[in-house]
Amino acid sequence: MKKIFLITFSLFFILTASAQVKKSTTVKKSVTKKSSVVKRATTKPTTVFRVKITTDSGVIIVRLYDSTINHRNNFVKLVKQHFYDSLLFHRVMPGFMIQGGDPTSKYAQAGELLGNGGDSLEKIPAEFKPYYFHKRGVLAAAREGDDLNPTKDSNACQFYIVTGRTFSDQELDQIELSTNRIFTAEERNAYKTIGGAPWLDNNYTIFGEVESGMDAADKIAAMPRDGNNRPLTDIRMKIELVR
């Protein structure tokens, strides 16, 4: 990809009820009631974080993964700070992905080259998980290329959503040869049916996936663009946390 790519939780209380020992003033023998304790589960439920990305092309709802906790927490922090409000989807490619989150895009002039912003923020170490792959609809972090970033650390703010395309077995075979990896049956089936961007696997951290609104993502990806794949019409975003 380009140089840079891209619980509110409930507390359960243990309720206890104890009967008090009462003594009769007319009967010498006191009667003591047995105490009873009602216990409830104390396991804290995991909070699911979702964000709503609002654009002129529609709304995209994304669920963030708990297993990539550093990327999730960083993204939630930035959303709470309204960091992404009014930034652009500055790079779009049909059949591949839409990319945004460059802070310099907020006031960028028409035609200005974007995609290098966010370097002043601390990078996030890669969180590759073998069970996540670049199927259509995943949310992943952009980053600098391997020559400048051999550990594949993520840019702190830029991200992309895979729109992707479908691949044949022959194409997947070629990608296996060029990337020195073997697709699982699940991965191969997904890339053949719903599509994705298989050559990116284990190179960029995936930390969420779209639950609804891929039609909006596809619409953004199909916008007319210049030679740097920046849409000719600015596509601004607003991102907020949702339940």
C-alpha atoms as a PDB file:
ATOM      1  CA  MET A   1       0.000   0.000   0.000  1.00  0.00           C
ATOM      2  CA  LYS A   2       1.082   3.630   0.065  1.00  0.00           C
ATOM      3  CA  LYS A   3       3.713   4.948   2.421  1.00  0.00           C
ATOM      4  CA  ILE A   4       1.269   5.068   5.263  1.00  0.00           C
ATOM      5  CA  PHE A   5      -1.827   2.836   5.323  1.00  0.00           C
ATOM      6  CA  LEU A   6      -3.653   2.228   6.822  1.00  0.00           C
ATOM      7  CA  ILE A   7     -16.064  -2.568  29.537  1.00  0.00           C
ATOM      8  CA  THR A   8     -18.747   0.535  30.168  1.00  0.00           C
ATOM      9  CA  PHE A   9     -19.177  -2.599  32.208  1.00  0.00           C
ATOM     10  CA  SER A  10     -21.791  -3.703  34.656  1.00  0.00           C
ATOM     11  CA  LEU A  11     -20.960  -4.615  38.250  1.00  0.00           C
ATOM     12  CA  PHE A  12     -22.839  -7.449  39.838  1.00  0.00           C
ATOM     13  CA  PHE A  13     -23.337  -7.178  43.591  1.00  0.00           C
ATOM     14  CA  ILE A  14     -23.642 -10.175  45.872  1.00  0.00           C
ATOM     15  CA  LEU A  15     -26.916  -9.750  47.633  1.00  0.00           C
ATOM     16  CA  THR A  16     -26.986 -11.160  51.116  1.00  0.00           C
ATOM     17  CA  ALA A  17     -29.911 -11.415  53.407  1.00  0.00           C
ATOM     18  CA  SER A  18     -29.552 -12.584  56.977  1.00  0.00           C
ATOM     19  CA  ALA A  19     -32.347 -13.157  59.388  1.00  0.00           C
ATOM     20  CA  GLN A  20     -31.743 -11.597  62.752  1.00  0.00           C
ATOM     21  CA  VAL A  21     -31.879 -13.608  65.944  1.00  0.00           C
ATOM     22  CA  LYS A  22     -34.941 -12.609  67.897  1.00  0.00           C
ATOM     23  CA  LYS A  23     -35.452 -13.354  71.579  1.00  0.00           C
ATOM     24  CA  SER A  24     -38.918 -13.673  73.075  1.00  0.00           C
ATOM     25  CA  THR A  25     -39.592 -11.863  76.354  1.00  0.00           C
ATOM     26  CA  THR A  26     -42.170 -14.474  77.406  1.00  0.00           C
ATOM     27  CA  VAL A  27     -40.502 -17.636  76.247  1.00  0.00           C
ATOM     28  CA  LYS A  28     -37.151 -18.614  77.711  1.00  0.00           C
ATOM     29  CA  LYS A  29     -36.025 -20.523  74.603  1.00  0.00           C
ATOM     30  CA  SER A  30     -34.750 -18.269  71.861  1.00  0.00           C
ATOM     31  CA  VAL A  31     -35.331 -19.130  68.225  1.00  0.00           C
ATOM     32  CA  THR A  32     -32.561 -18.411  65.773  1.00  0.00           C
ATOM     33  CA  LYS A  33     -33.323 -18.349  62.048  1.00  0.00           C
ATOM     34  CA  LYS A  34     -30.677 -19.682  59.727  1.00  0.00           C
ATOM     35  CA  SER A  35     -29.024 -17.081  57.558  1.00  0.00           C
ATOM     36  CA  SER A  36     -29.246 -17.457  53.812  1.00  0.00           C
ATOM     37  CA  VAL A  37     -26.951 -16.011  51.189  1.00  0.00           C
ATOM     38  CA  VAL A  38     -27.946 -15.541  47.563  1.00  0.00           C
ATOM     39  CA  LYS A  39     -24.920 -15.551  45.300  1.00  0.00           C
ATOM     40  CA  ARG A  40     -24.780 -14.357  41.736  1.00  0.00           C
ATOM     41  CA  ALA A  41     -22.134 -14.648  39.094  1.00  0.00           C
ATOM     42  CA  THR A  42     -19.292 -12.190  39.503  1.00  0.00           C
ATOM     43  CA  THR A  43     -17.799 -12.543  36.001  1.00  0.00           C
ATOM     44  CA  LYS A  44     -17.583  -9.153  34.347  1.00  0.00           C
ATOM     45  CA  PRO A  45     -19.095  -9.117  30.855  1.00  0.00           C
ATOM     46  CA  THR A  46     -16.909  -7.918  28.005  1.00  0.00           C
ATOM     47  CA  THR A  47     -17.919  -4.577  26.554  1.00  0.00           C
ATOM     48  CA  VAL A  48     -18.269  -4.537  22.786  1.00  0.00           C
ATOM     49  CA  PHE A  49     -17.007  -1.319  21.228  1.00  0.00           C
ATOM     50  CA  ARG A  50     -18.659  -0.115  18.059  1.00  0.00           C
ATOM     51  CA  VAL A  51     -18.134   3.059  16.123  1.00  0.00           C
ATOM     52  CA  LYS A  52     -20.363   4.852  13.640  1.00  0.00           C
ATOM     53  CA  ILE A  53     -18.631   6.470  10.699  1.00  0.00           C
ATOM     54  CA  THR A  54     -20.917   9.065   9.156  1.00  0.00           C
ATOM     55  CA  THR A  55     -20.223  10.383   5.655  1.00  0.00           C
ATOM     56  CA  ASP A  56     -22.174  12.068   2.871  1.00  0.00           C
ATOM     57  CA  SER A  57     -22.196   8.674   1.179  1.00  0.00           C
ATOM     58  CA  GLY A  58     -23.847   6.887   4.112  1.00  0.00           C
ATOM     59  CA  VAL A  59     -23.179   5.418   7.536  1.00  0.00           C
ATOM     60  CA  ILE A  60     -20.769   2.590   8.340  1.00  0.00           C
ATOM     61  CA  ILE A  61     -20.987   0.681  11.639  1.00  0.00           C
ATOM     62  CA  VAL A  62     -17.765  -1.030  12.720  1.00  0.00           C
ATOM     63  CA  ARG A  63     -17.189  -3.459  15.605  1.00  0.00           C
ATOM     64  CA  LEU A  64     -13.736  -3.251  17.156  1.00  0.00           C
ATOM     65  CA  TYR A  65     -11.961  -6.453  18.129  1.00  0.00           C
ATOM     66  CA  ASP A  66     -11.063  -7.088  21.784  1.00  0.00           C
ATOM     67  CA  SER A  67      -8.070  -9.273  20.924  1.00  0.00           C
ATOM     68  CA  THR A  68      -6.200  -6.357  19.321  1.00  0.00           C
ATOM     69  CA  ILE A  69      -6.591  -4.340  22.498  1.00  0.00           C
ATOM     70  CA  ASN A  70      -3.897  -1.725  21.901  1.00  0.00           C
ATOM     71  CA  HIS A  71      -5.289  -0.755  18.519  1.00  0.00           C
ATOM     72  CA  ARG A  72      -8.849  -0.834  19.877  1.00  0.00           C
ATOM     73  CA  ASN A  73      -8.054   1.345  22.875  1.00  0.00           C
ATOM     74  CA  ASN A  74      -6.109   3.841  20.786  1.00  0.00           C
ATOM     75  CA  PHE A  75      -8.928   4.145  18.254  1.00  0.00           C
ATOM     76  CA  VAL A  76     -11.546   4.573  21.013  1.00  0.00           C
ATOM     77  CA  LYS A  77      -9.399   7.270  22.633  1.00  0.00           C
ATOM     78  CA  LEU A  78      -9.118   9.222  19.392  1.00  0.00           C
ATOM     79  CA  VAL A  79     -12.843   8.891  18.700  1.00  0.00           C
ATOM     80  CA  LYS A  80     -13.669  10.213  22.182  1.00  0.00           C
ATOM     81  CA  GLN A  81     -11.398  13.175  21.479  1.00  0.00           C
ATOM     82  CA  HIS A  82     -13.316  13.846  18.200  1.00  0.00           C
ATOM     83  CA  PHE A  83      -9.978  13.499  16.431  1.00  0.00           C
ATOM     84  CA  TYR A  84     -11.532  12.156  13.234  1.00  0.00           C
ATOM     85  CA  ASP A  85     -14.337  14.677  12.852  1.00  0.00           C
ATOM     86  CA  SER A  86     -14.102  16.467   9.484  1.00  0.00           C
ATOM     87  CA  LEU A  87     -11.100  14.452   8.287  1.00  0.00           C
ATOM     88  CA  LEU A  88     -11.176  12.989   4.780  1.00  0.00           C
ATOM     89  CA  PHE A  89     -11.191   9.601   3.176  1.00  0.00           C
ATOM     90  CA  HIS A  90      -8.177  10.704   1.191  1.00  0.00           C
ATOM     91  CA  ARG A  91      -7.354   7.525  -0.749  1.00  0.00           C
ATOM     92  CA  VAL A  92      -9.948   5.302  -2.416  1.00  0.00           C
ATOM     93  CA  MET A  93      -9.557   2.417  -4.822  1.00  0.00           C
ATOM     94  CA  PRO A  94     -12.508   0.370  -6.100  1.00  0.00           C
ATOM     95  CA  GLY A  95     -12.051  -3.344  -5.580  1.00  0.00           C
ATOM     96  CA  PHE A  96      -9.459  -2.654  -2.877  1.00  0.00           C
ATOM     97  CA  MET A  97     -10.070  -0.249   0.015  1.00  0.00           C
ATOM     98  CA  ILE A  98     -10.906   3.208   1.352  1.00  0.00           C
ATOM     99  CA  GLN A  99      -8.349   4.967   3.568  1.00  0.00           C
ATOM    100  CA  GLY A 100      -8.708   7.910   5.943  1.00  0.00           C
ATOM    101  CA  GLY A 101      -7.602   9.447   9.217  1.00  0.00           C
ATOM    102  CA  ASP A 102      -4.751  11.680   8.046  1.00  0.00           C
ATOM    103  CA  PRO A 103      -4.972  14.729  10.367  1.00  0.00           C
ATOM    104  CA  THR A 104      -3.521  16.994   7.692  1.00  0.00           C
ATOM    105  CA  SER A 105      -6.543  16.299   5.495  1.00  0.00           C
ATOM    106  CA  LYS A 106      -8.856  18.500   7.568  1.00  0.00           C
ATOM    107  CA  TYR A 107      -7.745  21.711   5.895  1.00  0.00           C
ATOM    108  CA  ALA A 108      -6.121  20.266   2.782  1.00  0.00           C
ATOM    109  CA  GLN A 109      -6.403  22.141  -0.474  1.00  0.00           C
ATOM    110  CA  ALA A 110      -7.927  20.503  -3.538  1.00  0.00           C
ATOM    111  CA  GLY A 111      -5.465  18.145  -5.189  1.00  0.00           C
ATOM    112  CA  GLU A 112      -3.009  18.241  -2.275  1.00  0.00           C
ATOM    113  CA  LEU A 113      -1.152  14.979  -1.745  1.00  0.00           C
ATOM    114  CA  LEU A 114      -2.266  13.336   1.496  1.00  0.00           C
ATOM    115  CA  GLY A 115      -1.372  10.229   3.480  1.00  0.00           C
ATOM    116  CA  ASN A 116       1.721  11.252   5.421  1.00  0.00           C
ATOM    117  CA  GLY A 117       0.024  12.692   8.503  1.00  0.00           C
ATOM    118  CA  GLY A 118       0.061  11.255  12.007  1.00  0.00           C
ATOM    119  CA  ASP A 119       3.803  10.657  12.298  1.00  0.00           C
ATOM    120  CA  SER A 120       3.965  12.854  15.390  1.00  0.00           C
ATOM    121  CA  LEU A 121       1.770  10.362  17.253  1.00  0.00           C
ATOM    122  CA  GLU A 122       3.377   7.317  18.825  1.00  0.00           C
ATOM    123  CA  LYS A 123       3.189   4.269  16.599  1.00  0.00           C
ATOM    124  CA  ILE A 124       1.368   1.142  17.780  1.00  0.00           C
ATOM    125  CA  PRO A 125       3.231  -2.180  17.752  1.00  0.00           C
ATOM    126  CA  ALA A 126       1.775  -4.710  15.337  1.00  0.00           C
ATOM    127  CA  GLU A 127      -0.902  -7.042  16.727  1.00  0.00           C
ATOM    128  CA  PHE A 128      -1.143  -9.748  14.091  1.00  0.00           C
ATOM    129  CA  LYS A 129      -3.617 -12.530  14.896  1.00  0.00           C
ATOM    130  CA  PRO A 130      -3.692 -15.780  12.871  1.00  0.00           C
ATOM    131  CA  TYR A 131      -7.503 -15.836  12.876  1.00  0.00           C
ATOM    132  CA  TYR A 132      -7.905 -12.388  11.281  1.00  0.00           C
ATOM    133  CA  PHE A 133      -7.370 -11.920   7.573  1.00  0.00           C
ATOM    134  CA  HIS A 134      -8.117  -9.292   4.975  1.00  0.00           C
ATOM    135  CA  LYS A 135     -11.597 -10.364   3.970  1.00  0.00           C
ATOM    136  CA  ARG A 136     -14.018  -7.764   2.656  1.00  0.00           C
ATOM    137  CA  GLY A 137     -15.187  -5.398   5.396  1.00  0.00           C
ATOM    138  CA  VAL A 138     -12.295  -5.551   7.844  1.00  0.00           C
ATOM    139  CA  LEU A 139     -10.874  -2.439   9.488  1.00  0.00           C
ATOM    140  CA  ALA A 140      -7.077  -2.266   9.611  1.00  0.00           C
ATOM    141  CA  ALA A 141      -4.340   0.175  10.519  1.00  0.00           C
ATOM    142  CA  ALA A 142      -2.210   1.896   7.915  1.00  0.00           C
ATOM    143  CA  ARG A 143       1.548   2.146   8.307  1.00  0.00           C
ATOM    144  CA  GLU A 144       4.826   3.115   6.702  1.00  0.00           C
ATOM    145  CA  GLY A 145       6.455   0.704   4.283  1.00  0.00           C
ATOM    146  CA  ASP A 146       8.810  -2.083   5.345  1.00  0.00           C
ATOM    147  CA  ASP A 147      11.916  -0.178   4.304  1.00  0.00           C
ATOM    148  CA  LEU A 148      11.249   2.473   6.963  1.00  0.00           C
ATOM    149  CA  ASN A 149       9.257   0.263   9.291  1.00  0.00           C
ATOM    150  CA  PRO A 150      10.538  -3.335   9.327  1.00  0.00           C
ATOM    151  CA  THR A 151       8.606  -4.187  12.520  1.00  0.00           C
ATOM    152  CA  LYS A 152       5.361  -3.219  10.751  1.00  0.00           C
ATOM    153  CA  ASP A 153       4.225  -0.856  13.524  1.00  0.00           C
ATOM    154  CA  SER A 154       0.925   0.863  12.808  1.00  0.00           C
ATOM    155  CA  ASN A 155       0.326   4.538  12.220  1.00  0.00           C
ATOM    156  CA  ALA A 156      -1.587   5.798  15.267  1.00  0.00           C
ATOM    157  CA  CYS A 157      -4.503   7.338  13.395  1.00  0.00           C
ATOM    158  CA  GLN A 158      -4.761   6.321   9.740  1.00  0.00           C
ATOM    159  CA  PHE A 159      -6.943   3.334   8.916  1.00  0.00           C
ATOM    160  CA  TYR A 160      -8.541   1.591   5.974  1.00  0.00           C
ATOM    161  CA  ILE A 161     -11.619  -0.519   5.277  1.00  0.00           C
ATOM    162  CA  VAL A 162     -11.253  -3.330   2.756  1.00  0.00           C
ATOM    163  CA  THR A 163     -13.840  -3.349  -0.016  1.00  0.00           C
ATOM    164  CA  GLY A 164     -11.871  -5.931  -1.984  1.00  0.00           C
ATOM    165  CA  ARG A 165     -12.702  -8.236  -4.837  1.00  0.00           C
ATOM    166  CA  THR A 166     -13.048 -11.992  -5.272  1.00  0.00           C
ATOM    167  CA  PHE A 167     -10.109 -14.201  -6.255  1.00  0.00           C
ATOM    168  CA  SER A 168      -9.862 -17.472  -8.106  1.00  0.00           C
ATOM    169  CA  ASP A 169      -7.984 -20.517  -6.816  1.00  0.00           C
ATOM    170  CA  GLN A 170      -5.279 -19.862  -9.377  1.00  0.00           C
ATOM    171  CA  GLU A 171      -4.827 -16.281  -8.172  1.00  0.00           C
ATOM    172  CA  LEU A 172      -4.699 -17.407  -4.546  1.00  0.00           C
ATOM    173  CA  ASP A 173      -2.116 -20.030  -5.467  1.00  0.00           C
ATOM    174  CA  GLN A 174       0.067 -17.307  -6.962  1.00  0.00           C
ATOM    175  CA  ILE A 175      -0.312 -15.126  -3.862  1.00  0.00           C
ATOM    176  CA  GLU A 176       0.716 -18.078  -1.710  1.00  0.00           C
ATOM    177  CA  LEU A 177       3.872 -18.455  -3.748  1.00  0.00           C
ATOM    178  CA  SER A 178       4.749 -14.767  -3.670  1.00  0.00           C
ATOM    179  CA  THR A 179       4.022 -14.303   0.062  1.00  0.00           C
ATOM    180  CA  ASN A 180       5.330 -17.675   1.239  1.00  0.00           C
ATOM    181  CA  ARG A 181       2.163 -18.516   3.157  1.00  0.00           C
ATOM    182  CA  ILE A 182      -0.675 -21.014   2.865  1.00  0.00           C
ATOM    183  CA  PHE A 183      -4.308 -19.937   3.076  1.00  0.00           C
ATOM    184  CA  THR A 184      -6.583 -21.937   5.350  1.00  0.00           C
ATOM    185  CA  ALA A 185      -9.756 -23.441   3.920  1.00  0.00           C
ATOM    186  CA  GLU A 186     -11.756 -20.664   5.625  1.00  0.00           C
ATOM    187  CA  GLU A 187      -9.570 -17.930   4.196  1.00  0.00           C
ATOM    188  CA  ARG A 188      -9.569 -19.387   0.700  1.00  0.00           C
ATOM    189  CA  ASN A 189     -13.351 -19.777   0.734  1.00  0.00           C
ATOM    190  CA  ALA A 190     -13.848 -16.196   1.926  1.00  0.00           C
ATOM    191  CA  TYR A 191     -11.531 -14.744  -0.710  1.00  0.00           C
ATOM    192  CA  LYS A 192     -13.321 -16.739  -3.425  1.00  0.00           C
ATOM    193  CA  THR A 193     -16.853 -15.801  -2.300  1.00  0.00           C
ATOM    194  CA  ILE A 194     -16.968 -12.415  -0.538  1.00  0.00           C
ATOM    195  CA  GLY A 195     -13.539 -11.162  -1.575  1.00  0.00           C
ATOM    196  CA  GLY A 196     -10.863  -9.123   0.125  1.00  0.00           C
ATOM    197  CA  ALA A 197      -7.187  -8.212  -0.194  1.00  0.00           C
ATOM    198  CA  PRO A 198      -5.275 -11.428   0.566  1.00  0.00           C
ATOM    199  CA  TRP A 199      -1.749 -10.156  -0.151  1.00  0.00           C
ATOM    200  CA  LEU A 200      -1.998  -7.839   2.887  1.00  0.00           C
ATOM    201  CA  ASP A 201      -2.376 -10.653   5.432  1.00  0.00           C
ATOM    202  CA  ASN A 202       0.159 -10.608   8.279  1.00  0.00           C
ATOM    203  CA  ASN A 203       1.456  -7.260   7.085  1.00  0.00           C
ATOM    204  CA  TYR A 204      -1.102  -4.826   8.514  1.00  0.00           C
ATOM    205  CA  THR A 205      -2.936  -5.095  11.842  1.00  0.00           C
ATOM    206  CA  ILE A 206      -6.642  -5.865  11.520  1.00  0.00           C
ATOM    207  CA  PHE A 207      -8.608  -4.558  14.506  1.00  0.00           C
ATOM    208  CA  GLY A 208     -12.292  -4.542  13.539  1.00  0.00           C
ATOM    209  CA  GLU A 209     -14.901  -5.273  10.905  1.00  0.00           C
ATOM    210  CA  VAL A 210     -17.901  -3.607   9.336  1.00  0.00           C
ATOM    211  CA  GLU A 211     -21.258  -4.818  10.652  1.00  0.00           C
ATOM    212  CA  SER A 212     -23.346  -2.645   8.348  1.00  0.00           C
ATOM    213  CA  GLY A 213     -22.812  -0.022   5.699  1.00  0.00           C
ATOM    214  CA  MET A 214     -20.586  -1.709   3.155  1.00  0.00           C
ATOM    215  CA  ASP A 215     -22.770  -0.138   0.490  1.00  0.00           C
ATOM    216  CA  ALA A 216     -21.524   3.239   1.703  1.00  0.00           C
ATOM    217  CA  ALA A 217     -17.922   2.009   1.639  1.00  0.00           C
ATOM    218  CA  ASP A 218     -18.366   0.752  -1.920  1.00  0.00           C
ATOM    219  CA  LYS A 219     -19.875   4.100  -2.933  1.00  0.00           C
ATOM    220  CA  ILE A 220     -16.885   5.944  -1.496  1.00  0.00           C
ATOM    221  CA  ALA A 221     -14.446   3.560  -3.210  1.00  0.00           C
ATOM    222  CA  ALA A 222     -16.094   4.240  -6.562  1.00  0.00           C
ATOM    223  CA  MET A 223     -15.810   8.042  -6.387  1.00  0.00           C
ATOM    224  CA  PRO A 224     -13.920   9.747  -9.211  1.00  0.00           C
ATOM    225  CA  ARG A 225     -10.325  10.334  -8.123  1.00  0.00           C
ATOM    226  CA  ASP A 226      -7.084  11.899  -9.203  1.00  0.00           C
ATOM    227  CA  GLY A 227      -3.747  10.256  -9.995  1.00  0.00           C
ATOM    228  CA  ASN A 228      -3.003   9.822  -6.298  1.00  0.00           C
ATOM    229  CA  ASN A 229      -6.375   8.116  -5.741  1.00  0.00           C
ATOM    230  CA  ARG A 230      -7.698  11.086  -3.798  1.00  0.00           C
ATOM    231  CA  PRO A 231     -11.420  11.650  -4.471  1.00  0.00           C
ATOM    232  CA  LEU A 232     -12.056  14.711  -6.581  1.00  0.00           C
ATOM    233  CA  THR A 233     -14.875  15.602  -4.175  1.00  0.00           C
ATOM    234  CA  ASP A 234     -13.933  15.720  -0.515  1.00  0.00           C
ATOM    235  CA  ILE A 235     -15.480  12.898   1.530  1.00  0.00           C
ATOM    236  CA  ARG A 236     -15.457  13.953   5.167  1.00  0.00           C
ATOM    237  CA  MET A 237     -16.138  11.718   8.133  1.00  0.00           C
ATOM    238  CA  LYS A 238     -17.490  11.932  11.656  1.00  0.00           C
ATOM    239  CA  ILE A 239     -16.796   9.035  13.984  1.00  0.00           C
ATOM    240  CA  GLU A 240     -18.563   8.369  17.296  1.00  0.00           C
ATOM    241  CA  LEU A 241     -18.947   5.488  19.709  1.00  0.00           C
ATOM    242  CA  VAL A 242     -22.242   3.631  19.625  1.00  0.00           C
ATOM    243  CA  ARG A 243     -23.789   0.827  21.665  1.00  0.00           C
END
